[in-house]
Protein backbone atom coordinates (compact mmCIF):
# COMPACT_ATOMS: atom_id res chain seq x y z
CA MET A 1 -18.34 19.60 -9.19
CA LYS A 2 -18.26 18.13 -13.03
CA ASN A 3 -16.68 15.19 -13.95
CA HIS A 4 -13.08 17.56 -14.51
CA GLU A 5 -13.68 19.69 -11.36
CA ARG A 6 -13.61 16.44 -9.21
CA PHE A 7 -10.64 14.59 -11.15
CA ALA A 8 -8.60 17.59 -10.22
CA TYR A 9 -8.99 17.85 -6.66
CA ASN A 10 -8.32 14.14 -6.71
CA LEU A 11 -5.66 14.15 -8.34
CA THR A 12 -4.49 17.40 -6.35
CA LYS A 13 -5.36 15.79 -3.25
CA LEU A 14 -3.47 12.79 -4.17
CA LEU A 15 -0.04 15.15 -5.35
CA PHE A 16 -0.06 16.73 -1.52
CA ALA A 17 -1.30 13.25 0.45
CA THR A 18 2.24 11.77 -1.47
CA GLU A 19 4.54 15.10 -1.98
CA THR A 20 4.79 13.70 -5.57
CA THR A 21 5.80 16.23 -7.83
CA GLN A 22 3.77 17.24 -11.12
CA ARG A 23 6.98 16.02 -12.70
CA GLU A 24 7.40 12.91 -11.27
CA LEU A 25 3.67 12.23 -11.83
CA ALA A 26 4.43 12.90 -15.79
CA ARG A 27 7.83 10.66 -15.61
CA ALA A 28 5.78 8.12 -14.52
CA THR A 29 2.93 8.22 -16.91
CA GLY A 30 4.52 9.64 -20.00
CA VAL A 31 2.61 12.98 -20.51
CA ALA A 32 5.05 16.50 -20.22
CA VAL A 33 4.10 18.60 -17.16
CA ALA A 34 1.84 20.92 -19.41
CA THR A 35 -0.56 18.10 -19.05
CA ILE A 36 -0.68 17.36 -15.13
CA SER A 37 -1.04 21.21 -14.75
CA ARG A 38 -4.06 21.25 -17.12
CA TRP A 39 -5.40 17.79 -15.26
CA VAL A 40 -4.41 19.83 -11.78
CA ASN A 41 -6.17 23.00 -13.15
CA ALA A 42 -9.09 21.18 -14.41
CA GLU A 43 -8.40 22.35 -18.08
CA SER A 44 -8.48 18.81 -19.39
CA ILE A 45 -9.09 15.32 -17.96
CA PRO A 46 -6.95 12.31 -19.59
CA ASN A 47 -7.58 9.21 -21.38
CA ILE A 48 -8.45 5.87 -19.91
CA TYR A 49 -4.78 4.94 -20.71
CA HIS A 50 -3.60 7.66 -18.75
CA ALA A 51 -5.88 7.32 -15.99
CA GLU A 52 -4.91 3.73 -15.50
CA LYS A 53 -1.23 5.03 -14.98
CA ILE A 54 -2.13 8.04 -12.64
CA ALA A 55 -4.20 4.83 -10.19
CA ASP A 56 -0.98 2.50 -10.70
CA TYR A 57 0.98 5.20 -9.73
CA PHE A 58 -0.72 5.89 -6.56
CA ASP A 59 -1.62 1.99 -5.69
CA LEU A 60 -5.71 2.97 -6.46
CA THR A 61 -8.36 1.63 -8.30
CA LEU A 62 -10.47 3.76 -11.41
CA ASP A 63 -12.85 4.04 -9.16
CA GLU A 64 -10.83 5.31 -6.53
CA LEU A 65 -9.29 7.81 -8.49
CA LEU A 66 -12.58 8.58 -10.51
CA ASN A 67 -14.74 9.01 -7.03
C-alpha cells in the first residue's frame, strides 16, 4: 500500500469512527474541505504541519496517524 493510500485509509477510518465530517476536520486544521477530500481520496497527503494538526485533533501521535 502506498503512503497516500495508507493515509487515506487511516483518515477515513478515523472520520467514520469519530463521526467527524470532512467539514469539521477542515475547520479544525485550517484547510479547505476540498483538501480533506483529496487526502481521503488518496490524491495527496498533508504536509507535516497539517498532519500534526490532524493527529492533535484525533488525540493521536503522528506515528499512530501515519501507520
